[in-house]
Amino acid sequence: RYEKLYTLGKGNFGKVYLVEDRESGEQYAVKVVDKKMFKSGDQRQHAQREQSICETFASGLSHKNIVRVYDVLTEDDYIYIVMEYVEGGELFDKIKQSKGLAEPTARRWFREIIEAVEYIHDNNIVHRDLKPENVLIDNTQRIRICDFGFGNVFKERHQVLSTYCGSPFYAAPEMVTATPYRGPPVDLWSCGVILFAMLTGSLPFQGDEMPQLFQKISCGQYTIPPYVTRDASDLIQKLLCKDAKDRITAKDCLLHPWL
């Protein structure tokens, strides 16, 4: 039914291809997860979670700022996730090209990121790998969050999780100190790092070695440049709040004066 056109990207457990539906001519992105690549039960579990989250999206969960999932197909050795193809590239490239974004652009895009995050949290899903590489911008300049490879479903608001996931630079203190954590606050910490990067073109926590980086994160040790406006600075501080229980929620974020 689908004809493979070319490879869009590679992940740890497979590739993403651009494909065309032979009947309709529609183009899709298909993530092919190779189950043979799994080296541990943990990796298998991540793939199963991604599959079940994508099946939830395919069966009707959808939001304008999240990449649409149309279908999830499974074979003995492979999982195929059929998604809409988003042209336009990653937020990461936009930040890199201009060494930070103009505040009005950052505000518009960040609001869309938070709206998507609020939506998944309201539907008991956490992403756990939010970073500019997993935020796409379509050709109408709209944000689209993708890649639920580290996602999880929580049954109630206070359920605790324990797996360390995602990129170290975007990981919350409770994650790097291996403390059992609640899912939603972890996503909001990552959003704080994304907002910092959008406005400054750099990351708040840096270190040549992991222990050094984790030390800075766990102490909440960072400096906001003086050119960042007062309201934006205040929102960053509320997102990068060391104590997860005091960290701002997605809902409250949308009510913040900067947004």
Protein backbone atom coordinates (compact mmCIF):
# COMPACT_ATOMS: atom_id res chain seq x y z
CA ARG A 1 0.00 0.00 0.00
CA TYR A 2 2.84 2.43 0.82
CA GLU A 3 5.85 3.17 -1.36
CA LYS A 4 9.05 4.12 0.47
CA LEU A 5 10.53 7.38 -0.89
CA TYR A 6 13.51 8.14 1.37
CA THR A 7 14.82 8.15 4.95
CA LEU A 8 13.88 11.18 7.06
CA GLY A 9 15.84 10.25 10.17
CA LYS A 10 17.36 7.54 12.36
CA GLY A 11 16.67 6.64 15.98
CA ASN A 12 18.07 4.11 18.44
CA PHE A 13 15.67 1.37 17.37
CA GLY A 14 14.90 2.10 13.74
CA LYS A 15 14.30 4.71 11.09
CA VAL A 16 11.66 7.20 9.98
CA TYR A 17 10.78 7.06 6.27
CA LEU A 18 8.82 9.32 3.97
CA VAL A 19 6.28 7.11 2.20
CA GLU A 20 3.54 7.66 -0.35
CA ASP A 21 0.14 5.98 -0.36
CA ARG A 22 -0.04 4.27 -3.78
CA GLU A 23 -3.79 4.87 -4.07
CA SER A 24 -4.21 8.45 -2.84
CA GLY A 25 -0.73 9.88 -3.46
CA GLU A 26 -0.76 11.22 0.15
CA GLN A 27 2.62 11.38 1.87
CA TYR A 28 3.22 10.14 5.41
CA ALA A 29 6.13 9.71 7.81
CA VAL A 30 6.45 6.11 9.01
CA LYS A 31 8.53 5.23 12.05
CA VAL A 32 9.75 1.65 11.81
CA VAL A 33 10.78 0.21 15.19
CA ASP A 34 13.00 -2.86 14.88
CA LYS A 35 12.25 -5.12 17.86
CA LYS A 36 15.45 -7.10 17.17
CA MET A 37 17.48 -4.05 18.28
CA PHE A 38 16.21 -4.27 21.88
CA LYS A 39 18.99 -5.24 24.27
CA SER A 40 16.99 -5.07 27.50
CA GLY A 41 13.52 -5.45 28.95
CA ASP A 42 13.53 -1.68 29.57
CA GLN A 43 13.95 -0.96 25.87
CA ARG A 44 11.17 -3.39 25.02
CA GLN A 45 8.95 -1.67 27.59
CA HIS A 46 9.63 1.80 26.10
CA ALA A 47 8.61 0.52 22.66
CA GLN A 48 5.44 -1.07 24.03
CA ARG A 49 4.54 2.20 25.76
CA GLU A 50 5.18 4.22 22.61
CA GLN A 51 3.04 1.77 20.66
CA SER A 52 0.15 2.03 23.12
CA ILE A 53 0.36 5.88 23.27
CA CYS A 54 0.39 6.04 19.46
CA GLU A 55 -2.57 3.66 19.29
CA THR A 56 -4.43 6.04 21.64
CA PHE A 57 -3.61 8.94 19.29
CA ALA A 58 -4.60 6.88 16.24
CA SER A 59 -7.97 6.05 17.79
CA GLY A 60 -9.03 9.67 18.17
CA LEU A 61 -6.77 11.64 20.51
CA SER A 62 -5.55 14.65 18.53
CA HIS A 63 -4.33 18.19 19.06
CA LYS A 64 -3.31 20.88 16.58
CA ASN A 65 0.19 21.06 18.10
CA ILE A 66 0.93 17.33 18.17
CA VAL A 67 1.95 15.32 15.11
CA ARG A 68 -1.06 13.23 14.05
CA VAL A 69 -0.86 9.44 14.20
CA TYR A 70 -3.00 7.64 11.63
CA ASP A 71 -2.21 4.00 12.23
CA VAL A 72 -0.04 1.57 14.17
CA LEU A 73 0.77 -1.77 12.52
CA THR A 74 2.71 -4.63 14.10
CA GLU A 75 4.60 -7.64 12.77
CA ASP A 76 6.76 -10.17 14.62
CA ASP A 77 9.93 -8.08 14.37
CA TYR A 78 8.66 -4.58 13.57
CA ILE A 79 6.25 -1.87 14.72
CA TYR A 80 5.13 0.64 12.06
CA ILE A 81 3.80 4.02 13.24
CA VAL A 82 2.12 5.92 10.39
CA MET A 83 2.12 9.68 11.06
CA GLU A 84 1.50 12.87 9.17
CA TYR A 85 4.57 14.20 7.38
CA VAL A 86 5.49 17.61 8.78
CA GLU A 87 7.62 19.72 6.45
CA GLY A 88 9.46 22.65 7.95
CA GLY A 89 12.13 21.22 10.25
CA GLU A 90 12.93 21.26 13.96
CA LEU A 91 12.76 24.05 16.51
CA PHE A 92 16.38 23.11 17.28
CA ASP A 93 17.51 24.35 13.83
CA LYS A 94 15.58 27.61 14.17
CA ILE A 95 17.24 28.33 17.54
CA LYS A 96 20.67 27.42 16.18
CA GLN A 97 20.35 29.51 12.99
CA SER A 98 19.46 32.69 14.82
CA LYS A 99 21.23 32.03 18.17
CA GLY A 100 17.93 32.49 19.97
CA LEU A 101 14.55 33.77 18.81
CA ALA A 102 12.86 37.15 18.91
CA GLU A 103 10.62 37.31 21.98
CA PRO A 104 7.26 37.55 20.10
CA THR A 105 8.13 34.42 18.07
CA ALA A 106 9.35 32.59 21.18
CA ARG A 107 6.15 33.55 23.00
CA ARG A 108 3.87 32.30 20.21
CA TRP A 109 5.68 29.00 19.79
CA PHE A 110 6.12 28.41 23.51
CA ARG A 111 2.41 28.93 24.14
CA GLU A 112 1.71 26.22 21.53
CA ILE A 113 4.21 23.85 23.18
CA ILE A 114 2.51 24.36 26.56
CA GLU A 115 -0.98 23.89 25.05
CA ALA A 116 0.16 20.52 23.66
CA VAL A 117 1.74 19.56 26.99
CA GLU A 118 -1.42 20.53 28.89
CA TYR A 119 -3.43 18.36 26.49
CA ILE A 120 -1.31 15.24 26.96
CA HIS A 121 -1.23 15.70 30.75
CA ASP A 122 -5.03 16.08 30.81
CA ASN A 123 -5.12 12.75 28.96
CA ASN A 124 -2.75 11.11 31.48
CA ILE A 125 0.24 10.96 29.13
CA VAL A 126 3.75 12.24 29.87
CA HIS A 127 6.32 12.79 27.12
CA ARG A 128 9.60 12.63 29.15
CA ASP A 129 11.80 13.64 26.21
CA LEU A 130 10.76 17.20 25.39
CA LYS A 131 13.60 19.05 23.64
CA PRO A 132 13.86 21.29 20.54
CA GLU A 133 14.72 18.25 18.36
CA ASN A 134 11.30 16.76 19.20
CA VAL A 135 9.44 19.97 18.40
CA LEU A 136 8.72 20.39 14.68
CA ILE A 137 7.55 23.55 12.94
CA ASP A 138 5.23 23.00 9.99
CA ASN A 139 5.10 25.22 6.91
CA THR A 140 2.33 27.33 8.44
CA GLN A 141 4.79 28.11 11.28
CA ARG A 142 2.84 26.03 13.76
CA ILE A 143 4.47 23.92 16.48
CA ARG A 144 4.07 20.12 16.32
CA ILE A 145 5.37 17.92 19.13
CA CYS A 146 6.56 14.46 18.10
CA ASP A 147 8.33 11.30 19.31
CA PHE A 148 6.69 9.62 22.28
CA GLY A 149 9.51 7.03 22.44
CA PHE A 150 9.99 7.74 26.17
CA GLY A 151 6.33 8.51 26.85
CA ASN A 152 4.30 6.89 29.58
CA VAL A 153 0.71 6.74 30.76
CA PHE A 154 -0.05 7.55 34.40
CA LYS A 155 -3.21 6.32 36.07
CA GLU A 156 -3.60 9.13 38.56
CA ARG A 157 -2.01 12.56 39.06
CA HIS A 158 0.22 11.45 41.94
CA GLN A 159 1.47 8.18 40.47
CA VAL A 160 5.27 8.02 40.68
CA LEU A 161 7.61 6.85 37.92
CA SER A 162 11.22 5.80 38.26
CA THR A 163 12.83 5.39 34.81
CA TYR A 164 15.55 7.88 33.85
CA CYS A 165 14.68 9.04 30.32
CA GLY A 166 15.43 11.57 27.67
CA SER A 167 18.32 13.96 27.10
CA PRO A 168 20.51 14.80 30.13
CA PHE A 169 20.47 18.56 29.35
CA TYR A 170 16.66 18.66 29.61
CA ALA A 171 16.31 16.26 32.57
CA ALA A 172 14.74 17.47 35.82
CA PRO A 173 16.58 17.30 39.20
CA GLU A 174 14.35 14.48 40.44
CA MET A 175 15.35 12.47 37.36
CA VAL A 176 19.11 13.00 37.57
CA THR A 177 19.12 12.19 41.30
CA ALA A 178 17.21 8.94 40.59
CA THR A 179 14.33 9.94 42.88
CA PRO A 180 10.90 8.43 42.08
CA TYR A 181 9.07 11.28 40.36
CA ARG A 182 5.69 12.41 39.09
CA GLY A 183 5.48 12.64 35.30
CA PRO A 184 3.95 16.07 34.52
CA PRO A 185 6.48 18.21 36.47
CA VAL A 186 9.34 16.51 34.58
CA ASP A 187 7.85 17.70 31.26
CA LEU A 188 7.49 21.24 32.61
CA TRP A 189 11.14 21.35 33.68
CA SER A 190 12.10 20.37 30.11
CA CYS A 191 9.83 23.16 28.84
CA GLY A 192 11.77 25.58 31.05
CA VAL A 193 15.04 24.48 29.43
CA ILE A 194 13.43 24.86 25.98
CA LEU A 195 12.20 28.39 26.81
CA PHE A 196 15.67 29.36 28.09
CA ALA A 197 17.19 28.05 24.83
CA MET A 198 14.58 29.85 22.70
CA LEU A 199 15.33 33.20 24.32
CA THR A 200 19.12 32.95 24.73
CA GLY A 201 20.34 30.47 22.09
CA SER A 202 22.11 28.48 24.83
CA LEU A 203 21.30 25.91 27.52
CA PRO A 204 20.90 26.80 31.21
CA PHE A 205 22.82 23.75 32.44
CA GLN A 206 26.11 22.80 30.84
CA GLY A 207 29.01 20.62 31.85
CA ASP A 208 31.82 18.73 30.12
CA GLU A 209 31.19 15.64 32.22
CA MET A 210 27.84 14.12 33.24
CA PRO A 211 28.50 14.31 37.03
CA GLN A 212 29.26 18.04 36.69
CA LEU A 213 26.11 18.61 34.59
CA PHE A 214 23.93 16.59 36.99
CA GLN A 215 25.35 18.51 39.96
CA LYS A 216 24.30 21.84 38.38
CA ILE A 217 20.83 20.49 37.54
CA SER A 218 20.23 19.00 40.99
CA CYS A 219 21.27 22.31 42.63
CA GLY A 220 19.19 24.32 40.12
CA GLN A 221 22.33 26.33 39.36
CA TYR A 222 21.93 28.58 36.29
CA THR A 223 22.01 32.27 35.32
CA ILE A 224 19.44 34.10 33.20
CA PRO A 225 21.10 36.77 31.01
CA PRO A 226 20.03 40.34 31.92
CA TYR A 227 18.53 41.02 28.46
CA VAL A 228 15.73 38.47 29.07
CA THR A 229 12.62 40.48 30.02
CA ARG A 230 11.28 40.37 33.58
CA ASP A 231 8.12 38.34 32.82
CA ALA A 232 9.99 35.82 30.65
CA SER A 233 12.62 35.49 33.36
CA ASP A 234 9.93 34.90 35.99
CA LEU A 235 8.34 32.13 33.91
CA ILE A 236 11.72 30.42 33.39
CA GLN A 237 12.27 30.46 37.17
CA LYS A 238 8.82 28.97 37.83
CA LEU A 239 9.51 26.18 35.31
CA LEU A 240 13.08 25.53 36.48
CA CYS A 241 11.95 25.25 40.09
CA LYS A 242 14.14 22.67 41.82
CA ASP A 243 11.29 21.28 43.93
CA ALA A 244 8.88 19.42 41.65
CA LYS A 245 5.87 20.01 43.91
CA ASP A 246 6.33 23.80 43.63
CA ARG A 247 6.95 23.77 39.87
CA ILE A 248 4.34 25.56 37.75
CA THR A 249 1.78 23.36 35.93
CA ALA A 250 0.93 23.63 32.23
CA LYS A 251 -2.46 25.12 33.14
CA ASP A 252 -0.92 27.86 35.31
CA CYS A 253 1.77 28.46 32.70
CA LEU A 254 -0.92 29.50 30.19
CA LEU A 255 -2.18 32.07 32.73
CA HIS A 256 1.30 33.54 33.31
CA PRO A 257 1.65 37.26 32.34
CA TRP A 258 4.39 36.49 29.79
CA LEU A 259 2.03 34.26 27.82
